Amino acid sequence: MKLKLFILVLALQTAWILGTTIVQERGLASGTVILLETRPVDPRDLLRGDYIILNYKISDIPLNMFSPLVTNSLPPGATVYVALEKQGEFYGVATASTEPITPAAGQVILRGRTQSWWSETNAHLEYGLERYYVREGTGTTQGKITVQAAVPSSGRAQIKAVLVDGKPFEQTVKDSQR
């Protein structure tokens, strides 16, 4: 009996790991790839390891861009659906809503959560794209950082590539070490 229970637990854990991997890889492979512009932020945290903190221009959304119009601050942790459309080289906010929205032609829907700090005119969102883990000692870079993100129909984007001055992050690190 104990052996059967052990095998069942092991099978469930394996199925969960495989299922999570398949969902993540499917999102990267089939999602719409968009280019996002970042804002500079200090990239080091000695306690948590080496990663780059990414802050996006699409993270601060004016409340007047919400449909229906939002007049008060949104509570922390509220789900927000953001319609992005290409604005020049990068994608920018077209509209936002606290209710699920259908994208217009050329738009993608990104799903985010409000944060505990905001201004009276903006909502600050996080999309789950704010950290990019790197090898130890490679977190500081010089240049403009942009992000390629894959956005599946669920709206939960994943980082596909981080670019420094248009080149892949890893290539920039190799070039700087020469």
N, C-alpha and C. Protein backbone atom coordinates (compact mmCIF):
# COMPACT_ATOMS: atom_id res chain seq x y z
N MET A 1 0.82 -1.20 0.00
CA MET A 1 0.00 0.00 0.00
C MET A 1 0.86 1.26 0.00
N LYS A 2 1.93 1.26 0.83
CA LYS A 2 2.80 2.42 0.91
C LYS A 2 3.53 2.65 -0.41
N LEU A 3 3.89 1.56 -1.09
CA LEU A 3 4.57 1.68 -2.37
C LEU A 3 3.65 2.32 -3.41
N LYS A 4 2.37 1.91 -3.43
CA LYS A 4 1.41 2.49 -4.38
C LYS A 4 1.22 3.98 -4.09
N LEU A 5 1.12 4.36 -2.83
CA LEU A 5 0.97 5.76 -2.46
C LEU A 5 2.20 6.56 -2.87
N PHE A 6 3.36 5.99 -2.65
CA PHE A 6 4.61 6.64 -3.03
C PHE A 6 4.65 6.86 -4.54
N ILE A 7 4.30 5.86 -5.31
CA ILE A 7 4.30 5.95 -6.76
C ILE A 7 3.28 7.00 -7.24
N LEU A 8 2.11 7.04 -6.59
CA LEU A 8 1.09 8.02 -6.94
C LEU A 8 1.58 9.45 -6.69
N VAL A 9 2.19 9.68 -5.54
CA VAL A 9 2.72 11.00 -5.20
C VAL A 9 3.82 11.39 -6.19
N LEU A 10 4.70 10.47 -6.50
CA LEU A 10 5.78 10.72 -7.45
C LEU A 10 5.21 11.04 -8.84
N ALA A 11 4.19 10.31 -9.26
CA ALA A 11 3.57 10.54 -10.57
C ALA A 11 2.89 11.92 -10.63
N LEU A 12 2.21 12.30 -9.55
CA LEU A 12 1.56 13.62 -9.51
C LEU A 12 2.59 14.75 -9.56
N GLN A 13 3.68 14.61 -8.84
CA GLN A 13 4.73 15.63 -8.87
C GLN A 13 5.35 15.74 -10.26
N THR A 14 5.59 14.61 -10.88
CA THR A 14 6.16 14.61 -12.23
C THR A 14 5.19 15.24 -13.22
N ALA A 15 3.91 14.92 -13.12
CA ALA A 15 2.91 15.50 -14.01
C ALA A 15 2.83 17.01 -13.82
N TRP A 16 2.90 17.49 -12.57
CA TRP A 16 2.85 18.92 -12.31
C TRP A 16 4.05 19.63 -12.93
N ILE A 17 5.24 19.08 -12.76
CA ILE A 17 6.46 19.68 -13.33
C ILE A 17 6.38 19.70 -14.85
N LEU A 18 5.99 18.59 -15.46
CA LEU A 18 5.87 18.54 -16.92
C LEU A 18 4.79 19.49 -17.42
N GLY A 19 3.66 19.56 -16.74
CA GLY A 19 2.57 20.45 -17.15
C GLY A 19 2.99 21.91 -17.10
N THR A 20 3.68 22.31 -16.03
CA THR A 20 4.16 23.68 -15.90
C THR A 20 5.14 24.01 -17.03
N THR A 21 6.05 23.10 -17.31
CA THR A 21 7.03 23.31 -18.37
C THR A 21 6.35 23.45 -19.73
N ILE A 22 5.39 22.59 -20.00
CA ILE A 22 4.69 22.63 -21.29
C ILE A 22 3.94 23.95 -21.45
N VAL A 23 3.26 24.41 -20.41
CA VAL A 23 2.52 25.68 -20.48
C VAL A 23 3.48 26.84 -20.76
N GLN A 24 4.61 26.88 -20.05
CA GLN A 24 5.58 27.96 -20.24
C GLN A 24 6.16 27.94 -21.66
N GLU A 25 6.57 26.78 -22.12
CA GLU A 25 7.17 26.68 -23.45
C GLU A 25 6.16 26.97 -24.55
N ARG A 26 4.92 26.56 -24.36
CA ARG A 26 3.88 26.83 -25.35
C ARG A 26 3.64 28.33 -25.47
N GLY A 27 3.63 29.04 -24.33
CA GLY A 27 3.47 30.49 -24.35
C GLY A 27 4.59 31.19 -25.07
N LEU A 28 5.82 30.73 -24.86
CA LEU A 28 6.96 31.33 -25.56
C LEU A 28 6.92 31.05 -27.06
N ALA A 29 6.50 29.85 -27.43
CA ALA A 29 6.50 29.47 -28.84
C ALA A 29 5.34 30.08 -29.62
N SER A 30 4.16 30.17 -29.01
CA SER A 30 2.99 30.60 -29.78
C SER A 30 2.55 32.02 -29.48
N GLY A 31 3.13 32.68 -28.49
CA GLY A 31 2.71 34.03 -28.13
C GLY A 31 3.17 35.07 -29.14
N THR A 32 2.46 36.19 -29.20
CA THR A 32 2.84 37.31 -30.04
C THR A 32 4.07 37.97 -29.43
N VAL A 33 5.12 38.16 -30.23
CA VAL A 33 6.35 38.75 -29.73
C VAL A 33 6.26 40.27 -29.88
N ILE A 34 6.46 40.97 -28.77
CA ILE A 34 6.42 42.42 -28.76
C ILE A 34 7.71 42.97 -28.19
N LEU A 35 8.05 44.21 -28.52
CA LEU A 35 9.25 44.86 -28.02
C LEU A 35 8.83 45.95 -27.04
N LEU A 36 9.37 45.91 -25.82
CA LEU A 36 9.02 46.86 -24.77
C LEU A 36 10.22 47.71 -24.40
N GLU A 37 9.97 49.00 -24.19
CA GLU A 37 11.02 49.91 -23.77
C GLU A 37 11.08 49.94 -22.25
N THR A 38 12.29 49.93 -21.70
CA THR A 38 12.46 49.93 -20.26
C THR A 38 12.94 51.29 -19.78
N ARG A 39 12.89 51.48 -18.46
CA ARG A 39 13.45 52.66 -17.80
C ARG A 39 14.59 52.16 -16.92
N PRO A 40 15.65 52.93 -16.78
CA PRO A 40 16.78 52.46 -15.98
C PRO A 40 16.44 52.33 -14.49
N VAL A 41 16.91 51.24 -13.89
CA VAL A 41 16.75 50.97 -12.46
C VAL A 41 18.04 50.30 -12.00
N ASP A 42 18.42 50.50 -10.73
CA ASP A 42 19.60 49.85 -10.19
C ASP A 42 19.48 48.34 -10.30
N PRO A 43 20.41 47.67 -11.00
CA PRO A 43 20.25 46.25 -11.29
C PRO A 43 20.81 45.27 -10.28
N ARG A 44 21.29 45.70 -9.12
CA ARG A 44 21.94 44.77 -8.21
C ARG A 44 21.16 44.61 -6.91
N ASP A 45 21.14 43.37 -6.42
CA ASP A 45 20.59 43.09 -5.09
C ASP A 45 21.47 42.00 -4.50
N LEU A 46 22.30 42.37 -3.55
CA LEU A 46 23.28 41.43 -3.01
C LEU A 46 22.63 40.29 -2.23
N LEU A 47 21.44 40.49 -1.68
CA LEU A 47 20.80 39.45 -0.90
C LEU A 47 20.09 38.40 -1.74
N ARG A 48 19.60 38.76 -2.92
CA ARG A 48 18.80 37.84 -3.72
C ARG A 48 19.54 37.27 -4.92
N GLY A 49 20.77 37.64 -5.13
CA GLY A 49 21.50 37.14 -6.28
C GLY A 49 21.51 38.18 -7.38
N ASP A 50 22.05 37.81 -8.50
CA ASP A 50 22.20 38.75 -9.61
C ASP A 50 21.02 38.66 -10.55
N TYR A 51 20.36 39.76 -10.70
CA TYR A 51 19.31 39.88 -11.69
C TYR A 51 19.17 41.35 -12.05
N ILE A 52 18.55 41.58 -13.16
CA ILE A 52 18.30 42.94 -13.60
C ILE A 52 16.85 43.25 -13.26
N ILE A 53 16.62 44.39 -12.63
CA ILE A 53 15.26 44.85 -12.36
C ILE A 53 14.83 45.66 -13.57
N LEU A 54 13.73 45.27 -14.17
CA LEU A 54 13.24 45.95 -15.35
C LEU A 54 11.98 46.75 -15.01
N ASN A 55 11.97 47.98 -15.41
CA ASN A 55 10.81 48.86 -15.20
C ASN A 55 10.41 49.36 -16.58
N TYR A 56 9.15 49.24 -16.92
CA TYR A 56 8.69 49.55 -18.27
C TYR A 56 7.91 50.84 -18.32
N LYS A 57 7.93 51.48 -19.48
CA LYS A 57 7.11 52.67 -19.68
C LYS A 57 5.63 52.32 -19.57
N ILE A 58 5.25 51.10 -19.90
CA ILE A 58 3.85 50.68 -19.83
C ILE A 58 3.42 50.34 -18.41
N SER A 59 4.33 50.47 -17.43
CA SER A 59 3.99 50.13 -16.05
C SER A 59 3.17 51.20 -15.35
N ASP A 60 3.31 52.45 -15.78
CA ASP A 60 2.54 53.55 -15.20
C ASP A 60 1.49 53.99 -16.20
N ILE A 61 0.24 53.72 -15.88
CA ILE A 61 -0.86 54.01 -16.80
C ILE A 61 -1.73 55.13 -16.22
N PRO A 62 -1.90 56.21 -16.97
CA PRO A 62 -2.79 57.28 -16.50
C PRO A 62 -4.21 56.75 -16.31
N LEU A 63 -4.86 57.17 -15.24
CA LEU A 63 -6.21 56.68 -14.94
C LEU A 63 -7.21 57.06 -16.03
N ASN A 64 -6.94 58.14 -16.78
CA ASN A 64 -7.86 58.54 -17.85
C ASN A 64 -7.79 57.62 -19.07
N MET A 65 -6.83 56.66 -19.09
CA MET A 65 -6.75 55.70 -20.19
C MET A 65 -7.60 54.46 -19.93
N PHE A 66 -8.22 54.38 -18.75
CA PHE A 66 -9.04 53.23 -18.41
C PHE A 66 -10.44 53.37 -19.01
N SER A 67 -10.96 52.25 -19.45
CA SER A 67 -12.32 52.20 -19.97
C SER A 67 -13.02 51.01 -19.32
N PRO A 68 -14.04 51.20 -18.52
CA PRO A 68 -14.64 52.46 -18.12
C PRO A 68 -13.68 53.28 -17.26
N LEU A 69 -13.91 54.58 -17.25
CA LEU A 69 -13.04 55.53 -16.57
C LEU A 69 -12.91 55.20 -15.08
N VAL A 70 -11.68 55.23 -14.57
CA VAL A 70 -11.41 54.99 -13.15
C VAL A 70 -11.22 56.34 -12.49
N THR A 71 -11.99 56.61 -11.47
CA THR A 71 -11.92 57.91 -10.80
C THR A 71 -11.14 57.84 -9.49
N ASN A 72 -11.10 56.68 -8.86
CA ASN A 72 -10.37 56.50 -7.60
C ASN A 72 -9.13 55.66 -7.87
N SER A 73 -8.24 55.59 -6.89
CA SER A 73 -7.09 54.71 -6.99
C SER A 73 -7.57 53.27 -6.96
N LEU A 74 -6.89 52.42 -7.69
CA LEU A 74 -7.23 51.00 -7.71
C LEU A 74 -6.62 50.31 -6.50
N PRO A 75 -7.29 49.31 -5.93
CA PRO A 75 -6.72 48.61 -4.77
C PRO A 75 -5.50 47.78 -5.18
N PRO A 76 -4.53 47.63 -4.30
CA PRO A 76 -3.35 46.81 -4.60
C PRO A 76 -3.76 45.38 -4.94
N GLY A 77 -3.13 44.82 -5.96
CA GLY A 77 -3.39 43.44 -6.36
C GLY A 77 -4.54 43.27 -7.32
N ALA A 78 -5.18 44.36 -7.73
CA ALA A 78 -6.29 44.25 -8.70
C ALA A 78 -5.75 43.87 -10.07
N THR A 79 -6.44 42.98 -10.75
CA THR A 79 -6.05 42.58 -12.10
C THR A 79 -6.47 43.66 -13.08
N VAL A 80 -5.54 44.03 -13.96
CA VAL A 80 -5.80 45.04 -14.98
C VAL A 80 -5.41 44.44 -16.33
N TYR A 81 -6.26 44.64 -17.32
CA TYR A 81 -6.01 44.19 -18.68
C TYR A 81 -5.60 45.40 -19.50
N VAL A 82 -4.44 45.32 -20.15
CA VAL A 82 -3.90 46.45 -20.88
C VAL A 82 -3.78 46.07 -22.35
N ALA A 83 -4.42 46.88 -23.22
CA ALA A 83 -4.31 46.68 -24.66
C ALA A 83 -3.09 47.47 -25.13
N LEU A 84 -2.13 46.76 -25.74
CA LEU A 84 -0.92 47.39 -26.26
C LEU A 84 -0.98 47.39 -27.79
N GLU A 85 -0.47 48.45 -28.37
CA GLU A 85 -0.37 48.51 -29.83
C GLU A 85 0.98 49.11 -30.18
N LYS A 86 1.43 48.80 -31.37
CA LYS A 86 2.74 49.27 -31.80
C LYS A 86 2.70 50.78 -31.97
N GLN A 87 3.64 51.45 -31.32
CA GLN A 87 3.77 52.90 -31.40
C GLN A 87 5.22 53.20 -31.73
N GLY A 88 5.51 53.23 -33.02
CA GLY A 88 6.89 53.35 -33.46
C GLY A 88 7.56 51.99 -33.36
N GLU A 89 8.74 51.98 -32.76
CA GLU A 89 9.49 50.72 -32.62
C GLU A 89 8.95 49.83 -31.51
N PHE A 90 8.36 50.44 -30.48
CA PHE A 90 7.92 49.71 -29.30
C PHE A 90 6.40 49.65 -29.20
N TYR A 91 5.93 48.78 -28.30
CA TYR A 91 4.50 48.72 -28.01
C TYR A 91 4.20 49.65 -26.84
N GLY A 92 3.05 50.32 -26.93
CA GLY A 92 2.62 51.24 -25.88
C GLY A 92 1.17 50.99 -25.53
N VAL A 93 0.72 51.63 -24.47
CA VAL A 93 -0.65 51.44 -23.96
C VAL A 93 -1.65 52.13 -24.89
N ALA A 94 -2.67 51.38 -25.32
CA ALA A 94 -3.78 51.94 -26.09
C ALA A 94 -4.95 52.22 -25.16
N THR A 95 -5.26 51.25 -24.30
CA THR A 95 -6.33 51.39 -23.31
C THR A 95 -6.11 50.35 -22.22
N ALA A 96 -6.79 50.54 -21.10
CA ALA A 96 -6.70 49.60 -19.98
C ALA A 96 -8.08 49.44 -19.37
N SER A 97 -8.26 48.32 -18.67
CA SER A 97 -9.55 48.06 -18.04
C SER A 97 -9.37 47.08 -16.89
N THR A 98 -10.26 47.18 -15.93
CA THR A 98 -10.27 46.21 -14.84
C THR A 98 -11.10 44.99 -15.22
N GLU A 99 -11.76 45.04 -16.36
CA GLU A 99 -12.55 43.92 -16.90
C GLU A 99 -11.83 43.37 -18.12
N PRO A 100 -11.95 42.07 -18.42
CA PRO A 100 -11.33 41.52 -19.62
C PRO A 100 -11.79 42.28 -20.86
N ILE A 101 -10.84 42.53 -21.77
CA ILE A 101 -11.16 43.26 -23.00
C ILE A 101 -10.73 42.45 -24.21
N THR A 102 -11.35 42.72 -25.33
CA THR A 102 -11.03 42.05 -26.59
C THR A 102 -10.10 42.97 -27.37
N PRO A 103 -8.99 42.45 -27.86
CA PRO A 103 -8.05 43.31 -28.59
C PRO A 103 -8.60 43.70 -29.96
N ALA A 104 -8.33 44.93 -30.36
CA ALA A 104 -8.63 45.37 -31.71
C ALA A 104 -7.52 44.85 -32.63
N ALA A 105 -7.67 45.06 -33.91
CA ALA A 105 -6.66 44.61 -34.87
C ALA A 105 -5.31 45.26 -34.54
N GLY A 106 -4.25 44.46 -34.49
CA GLY A 106 -2.92 44.97 -34.21
C GLY A 106 -2.62 45.16 -32.73
N GLN A 107 -3.53 44.78 -31.86
CA GLN A 107 -3.31 44.93 -30.43
C GLN A 107 -3.07 43.58 -29.77
N VAL A 108 -2.37 43.61 -28.65
CA VAL A 108 -2.23 42.43 -27.79
C VAL A 108 -2.68 42.84 -26.39
N ILE A 109 -3.20 41.89 -25.65
CA ILE A 109 -3.66 42.16 -24.29
C ILE A 109 -2.65 41.59 -23.30
N LEU A 110 -2.18 42.46 -22.43
CA LEU A 110 -1.24 42.08 -21.38
C LEU A 110 -1.97 42.19 -20.05
N ARG A 111 -1.74 41.22 -19.20
CA ARG A 111 -2.41 41.16 -17.91
C ARG A 111 -1.44 41.57 -16.82
N GLY A 112 -1.86 42.50 -15.97
CA GLY A 112 -0.99 42.98 -14.90
C GLY A 112 -1.74 43.11 -13.59
N ARG A 113 -1.01 43.44 -12.54
CA ARG A 113 -1.60 43.65 -11.21
C ARG A 113 -1.15 45.00 -10.69
N THR A 114 -2.08 45.70 -10.04
CA THR A 114 -1.74 46.99 -9.45
C THR A 114 -0.85 46.78 -8.23
N GLN A 115 -0.02 47.78 -7.98
CA GLN A 115 0.89 47.73 -6.84
C GLN A 115 0.41 48.66 -5.74
N SER A 116 1.03 48.56 -4.59
CA SER A 116 0.55 49.30 -3.42
C SER A 116 0.86 50.78 -3.49
N TRP A 117 1.74 51.20 -4.38
CA TRP A 117 2.00 52.64 -4.49
C TRP A 117 1.50 53.12 -5.84
N TRP A 118 0.97 54.31 -5.86
CA TRP A 118 0.44 54.92 -7.07
C TRP A 118 0.37 56.42 -6.85
N SER A 119 0.09 57.13 -7.90
CA SER A 119 -0.16 58.56 -7.74
C SER A 119 -1.66 58.77 -7.95
N GLU A 120 -2.10 59.98 -7.79
CA GLU A 120 -3.53 60.24 -7.97
C GLU A 120 -3.94 60.21 -9.43
N THR A 121 -2.96 60.25 -10.33
CA THR A 121 -3.29 60.27 -11.75
C THR A 121 -2.87 59.02 -12.50
N ASN A 122 -2.08 58.15 -11.87
CA ASN A 122 -1.56 56.94 -12.54
C ASN A 122 -1.79 55.70 -11.69
N ALA A 123 -1.88 54.57 -12.37
CA ALA A 123 -1.86 53.26 -11.70
C ALA A 123 -0.53 52.61 -12.07
N HIS A 124 0.16 52.07 -11.08
CA HIS A 124 1.42 51.37 -11.34
C HIS A 124 1.15 49.87 -11.38
N LEU A 125 1.54 49.22 -12.48
CA LEU A 125 1.28 47.79 -12.67
C LEU A 125 2.57 47.01 -12.75
N GLU A 126 2.48 45.74 -12.37
CA GLU A 126 3.55 44.78 -12.62
C GLU A 126 2.96 43.66 -13.46
N TYR A 127 3.77 43.19 -14.42
CA TYR A 127 3.31 42.19 -15.38
C TYR A 127 3.97 40.83 -15.21
N GLY A 128 4.86 40.70 -14.23
CA GLY A 128 5.61 39.45 -14.08
C GLY A 128 6.84 39.43 -14.98
N LEU A 129 7.20 40.59 -15.54
CA LEU A 129 8.35 40.71 -16.44
C LEU A 129 9.44 41.59 -15.82
N GLU A 130 9.37 41.81 -14.53
CA GLU A 130 10.23 42.80 -13.90
C GLU A 130 11.61 42.30 -13.47
N ARG A 131 11.85 41.01 -13.53
CA ARG A 131 13.16 40.47 -13.16
C ARG A 131 13.71 39.59 -14.27
N TYR A 132 14.99 39.78 -14.54
CA TYR A 132 15.69 38.93 -15.52
C TYR A 132 16.97 38.47 -14.84
N TYR A 133 17.03 37.17 -14.53
CA TYR A 133 18.16 36.62 -13.80
C TYR A 133 19.35 36.41 -14.74
N VAL A 134 20.54 36.76 -14.22
CA VAL A 134 21.76 36.69 -15.02
C VAL A 134 22.84 35.94 -14.23
N ARG A 135 23.92 35.59 -14.95
CA ARG A 135 25.04 34.95 -14.27
C ARG A 135 25.68 35.92 -13.29
N GLU A 136 26.28 35.39 -12.27
CA GLU A 136 26.90 36.20 -11.23
C GLU A 136 27.91 37.18 -11.83
N GLY A 137 27.80 38.43 -11.41
CA GLY A 137 28.75 39.45 -11.84
C GLY A 137 28.45 40.07 -13.20
N THR A 138 27.34 39.71 -13.83
CA THR A 138 27.04 40.26 -15.16
C THR A 138 25.81 41.16 -15.16
N GLY A 139 25.35 41.59 -13.98
CA GLY A 139 24.11 42.36 -13.89
C GLY A 139 24.22 43.82 -14.27
N THR A 140 25.44 44.37 -14.35
CA THR A 140 25.57 45.77 -14.71
C THR A 140 25.94 45.87 -16.18
N THR A 141 25.17 46.65 -16.91
CA THR A 141 25.43 46.85 -18.34
C THR A 141 25.35 48.33 -18.66
N GLN A 142 25.99 48.72 -19.71
CA GLN A 142 25.92 50.09 -20.22
C GLN A 142 25.16 50.04 -21.52
N GLY A 143 24.15 50.88 -21.66
CA GLY A 143 23.40 50.94 -22.90
C GLY A 143 21.91 50.89 -22.64
N LYS A 144 21.15 51.03 -23.72
CA LYS A 144 19.69 51.03 -23.63
C LYS A 144 19.19 49.59 -23.60
N ILE A 145 18.43 49.27 -22.56
CA ILE A 145 17.89 47.91 -22.41
C ILE A 145 16.46 47.88 -22.93
N THR A 146 16.19 46.93 -23.80
CA THR A 146 14.83 46.68 -24.28
C THR A 146 14.53 45.20 -24.09
N VAL A 147 13.25 44.86 -24.10
CA VAL A 147 12.84 43.49 -23.83
C VAL A 147 11.92 42.99 -24.94
N GLN A 148 12.20 41.79 -25.43
CA GLN A 148 11.26 41.08 -26.31
C GLN A 148 10.45 40.17 -25.41
N ALA A 149 9.14 40.32 -25.46
CA ALA A 149 8.26 39.50 -24.63
C ALA A 149 7.29 38.74 -25.53
N ALA A 150 7.02 37.50 -25.16
CA ALA A 150 6.02 36.69 -25.86
C ALA A 150 4.73 36.78 -25.05
N VAL A 151 3.65 37.20 -25.73
CA VAL A 151 2.37 37.39 -25.05
C VAL A 151 1.36 36.40 -25.63
N PRO A 152 1.06 35.31 -24.89
CA PRO A 152 0.04 34.36 -25.36
C PRO A 152 -1.37 34.94 -25.15
N SER A 153 -2.36 34.22 -25.57
CA SER A 153 -3.74 34.70 -25.47
C SER A 153 -4.19 34.89 -24.01
N SER A 154 -3.52 34.24 -23.06
CA SER A 154 -3.86 34.41 -21.65
C SER A 154 -3.46 35.78 -21.12
N GLY A 155 -2.56 36.48 -21.82
CA GLY A 155 -2.10 37.79 -21.38
C GLY A 155 -0.95 37.75 -20.40
N ARG A 156 -0.50 36.57 -20.02
CA ARG A 156 0.61 36.42 -19.08
C ARG A 156 1.91 36.30 -19.85
N ALA A 157 2.55 37.42 -20.08
CA ALA A 157 3.73 37.49 -20.93
C ALA A 157 4.95 36.86 -20.25
N GLN A 158 5.90 36.48 -21.09
CA GLN A 158 7.17 35.95 -20.62
C GLN A 158 8.29 36.63 -21.40
N ILE A 159 9.40 36.85 -20.73
CA ILE A 159 10.56 37.45 -21.39
C ILE A 159 11.14 36.44 -22.36
N LYS A 160 11.28 36.85 -23.60
CA LYS A 160 11.89 35.99 -24.61
C LYS A 160 13.37 36.35 -24.77
N ALA A 161 13.67 37.66 -24.76
CA ALA A 161 15.06 38.11 -24.87
C ALA A 161 15.19 39.49 -24.26
N VAL A 162 16.35 39.75 -23.67
CA VAL A 162 16.70 41.08 -23.20
C VAL A 162 17.80 41.57 -24.12
N LEU A 163 17.62 42.79 -24.64
CA LEU A 163 18.56 43.36 -25.59
C LEU A 163 19.21 44.60 -25.00
N VAL A 164 20.50 44.76 -25.23
CA VAL A 164 21.23 45.96 -24.84
C VAL A 164 21.72 46.61 -26.12
N ASP A 165 21.22 47.79 -26.39
CA ASP A 165 21.51 48.50 -27.64
C ASP A 165 21.23 47.62 -28.86
N GLY A 166 20.17 46.82 -28.78
CA GLY A 166 19.73 46.00 -29.91
C GLY A 166 20.41 44.64 -30.01
N LYS A 167 21.41 44.38 -29.15
CA LYS A 167 22.10 43.09 -29.17
C LYS A 167 21.66 42.25 -27.99
N PRO A 168 21.62 40.91 -28.14
CA PRO A 168 21.23 40.06 -27.00
C PRO A 168 22.13 40.33 -25.79
N PHE A 169 21.54 40.30 -24.61
CA PHE A 169 22.24 40.58 -23.36
C PHE A 169 23.49 39.72 -23.22
N GLU A 170 23.36 38.43 -23.49
CA GLU A 170 24.49 37.51 -23.34
C GLU A 170 25.65 37.90 -24.25
N GLN A 171 25.34 38.35 -25.46
CA GLN A 171 26.38 38.78 -26.41
C GLN A 171 27.07 40.04 -25.90
N THR A 172 26.31 40.95 -25.32
CA THR A 172 26.87 42.18 -24.76
C THR A 172 27.83 41.87 -23.62
N VAL A 173 27.46 40.90 -22.78
CA VAL A 173 28.34 40.49 -21.66
C VAL A 173 29.63 39.91 -22.20
N LYS A 174 29.53 39.03 -23.22
CA LYS A 174 30.74 38.44 -23.81
C LYS A 174 31.65 39.50 -24.41
N ASP A 175 31.04 40.47 -25.12
CA ASP A 175 31.83 41.52 -25.74
C ASP A 175 32.53 42.39 -24.71
N SER A 176 31.88 42.65 -23.57
CA SER A 176 32.47 43.51 -22.55
C SER A 176 33.59 42.80 -21.79
N GLN A 177 33.62 41.47 -21.82
CA GLN A 177 34.65 40.72 -21.10
C GLN A 177 35.91 40.55 -21.92
N ARG A 178 35.88 40.95 -23.17
CA ARG A 178 37.08 40.80 -24.03
C ARG A 178 38.07 41.89 -23.79
